[in-house]
Amino acid sequence: MTLWYCAAMNRNRITHQLWTRCRDVAAALIAACWPGRDFAHVTTLIDKAPNSTRNVIVFGTLGALFAASIGAAQFGLIGLCLFGLLGIWLIR
């Protein structure tokens, strides 16, 4: 095995782990806001969707989360604390 091959394998493993974590965060947020659906059901729905739809769902959810965090930052430390508490409350 060459060094280049090992680096490519490592990069694929890291991107797969990153994608899995992003999908899990998006699924947890969607499940918290969608009554009657749990995390496992939403994860299954995301995994069954076509690639383009899956990307829109995950990155759209994470983009909305980022935009909400920027909006909360406008209110300073209190806004960021409330944003963090809201995130914890939604995920639990």
Protein backbone atom coordinates (compact mmCIF):
# COMPACT_ATOMS: atom_id res chain seq x y z
CA MET A 1 0.00 0.00 0.00
CA THR A 2 1.25 3.40 -0.85
CA LEU A 3 0.94 6.43 1.35
CA TRP A 4 -1.48 8.01 -1.13
CA TYR A 5 -3.82 5.01 -0.93
CA CYS A 6 -3.81 5.08 2.89
CA ALA A 7 -4.54 8.81 2.93
CA ALA A 8 -7.48 8.32 0.55
CA MET A 9 -8.91 5.54 2.72
CA ASN A 10 -8.56 7.69 5.82
CA ARG A 11 -10.23 10.66 4.08
CA ASN A 12 -13.18 8.50 3.01
CA ARG A 13 -13.61 7.19 6.55
CA ILE A 14 -13.52 10.70 8.00
CA THR A 15 -16.02 12.10 5.49
CA HIS A 16 -18.34 9.15 6.12
CA GLN A 17 -18.21 9.78 9.89
CA LEU A 18 -18.80 13.50 9.34
CA TRP A 19 -21.79 12.82 7.08
CA THR A 20 -23.25 10.38 9.64
CA ARG A 21 -22.99 12.93 12.43
CA CYS A 22 -24.52 15.71 10.31
CA ARG A 23 -27.37 13.41 9.32
CA ASP A 24 -27.95 12.43 12.96
CA VAL A 25 -28.12 16.07 14.10
CA ALA A 26 -30.54 16.94 11.29
CA ALA A 27 -32.68 13.88 12.04
CA ALA A 28 -32.80 14.70 15.76
CA LEU A 29 -33.90 18.28 15.05
CA ILE A 30 -36.53 17.18 12.54
CA ALA A 31 -37.85 14.48 14.90
CA ALA A 32 -38.11 17.03 17.72
CA CYS A 33 -40.22 19.35 15.55
CA TRP A 34 -42.32 16.63 13.85
CA PRO A 35 -44.92 15.17 16.24
CA GLY A 36 -45.40 11.43 16.08
CA ARG A 37 -42.01 10.69 14.52
CA ASP A 38 -39.01 9.45 16.40
CA PHE A 39 -35.31 9.69 15.60
CA ALA A 40 -35.08 6.21 14.05
CA HIS A 41 -38.02 6.86 11.71
CA VAL A 42 -36.65 10.19 10.50
CA THR A 43 -33.19 8.68 9.99
CA THR A 44 -34.75 5.91 7.90
CA LEU A 45 -36.67 8.45 5.82
CA ILE A 46 -33.49 10.44 5.18
CA ASP A 47 -31.53 7.32 4.23
CA LYS A 48 -34.24 6.15 1.79
CA ALA A 49 -34.41 9.53 0.01
CA PRO A 50 -32.45 10.10 -3.22
CA ASN A 51 -29.01 11.69 -2.83
CA SER A 52 -30.08 15.16 -3.94
CA THR A 53 -33.07 15.21 -1.59
CA ARG A 54 -30.95 13.80 1.24
CA ASN A 55 -28.39 16.57 0.80
CA VAL A 56 -31.07 19.26 0.74
CA ILE A 57 -32.68 17.91 3.92
CA VAL A 58 -29.44 17.62 5.90
CA PHE A 59 -27.72 20.79 4.73
CA GLY A 60 -30.95 22.80 4.79
CA THR A 61 -31.53 21.81 8.41
CA LEU A 62 -27.94 22.57 9.38
CA GLY A 63 -28.08 25.85 7.45
CA ALA A 64 -31.23 26.88 9.31
CA LEU A 65 -29.51 25.97 12.57
CA PHE A 66 -26.54 28.13 11.60
CA ALA A 67 -28.78 31.05 10.64
CA ALA A 68 -30.62 30.74 13.96
CA SER A 69 -27.30 30.79 15.81
CA ILE A 70 -26.25 33.97 13.99
CA GLY A 71 -29.61 35.53 14.89
CA ALA A 72 -29.15 34.52 18.52
CA ALA A 73 -25.65 35.97 18.51
CA GLN A 74 -27.15 39.37 17.78
CA PHE A 75 -28.49 39.34 21.35
CA GLY A 76 -25.07 38.66 22.84
CA LEU A 77 -24.27 36.15 25.51
CA ILE A 78 -27.87 35.88 26.69
CA GLY A 79 -29.04 35.04 23.17
CA LEU A 80 -26.37 32.38 22.71
CA CYS A 81 -27.19 30.85 26.10
CA LEU A 82 -30.88 30.72 25.20
CA PHE A 83 -30.02 29.22 21.80
CA GLY A 84 -27.92 26.53 23.47
CA LEU A 85 -30.67 25.74 25.98
CA LEU A 86 -33.22 25.53 23.16
CA GLY A 87 -30.96 23.11 21.29
CA ILE A 88 -30.55 20.91 24.36
CA TRP A 89 -34.31 21.02 25.02
CA LEU A 90 -35.14 20.03 21.42
CA ILE A 91 -32.67 17.15 21.28
CA ARG A 92 -33.69 15.71 24.65
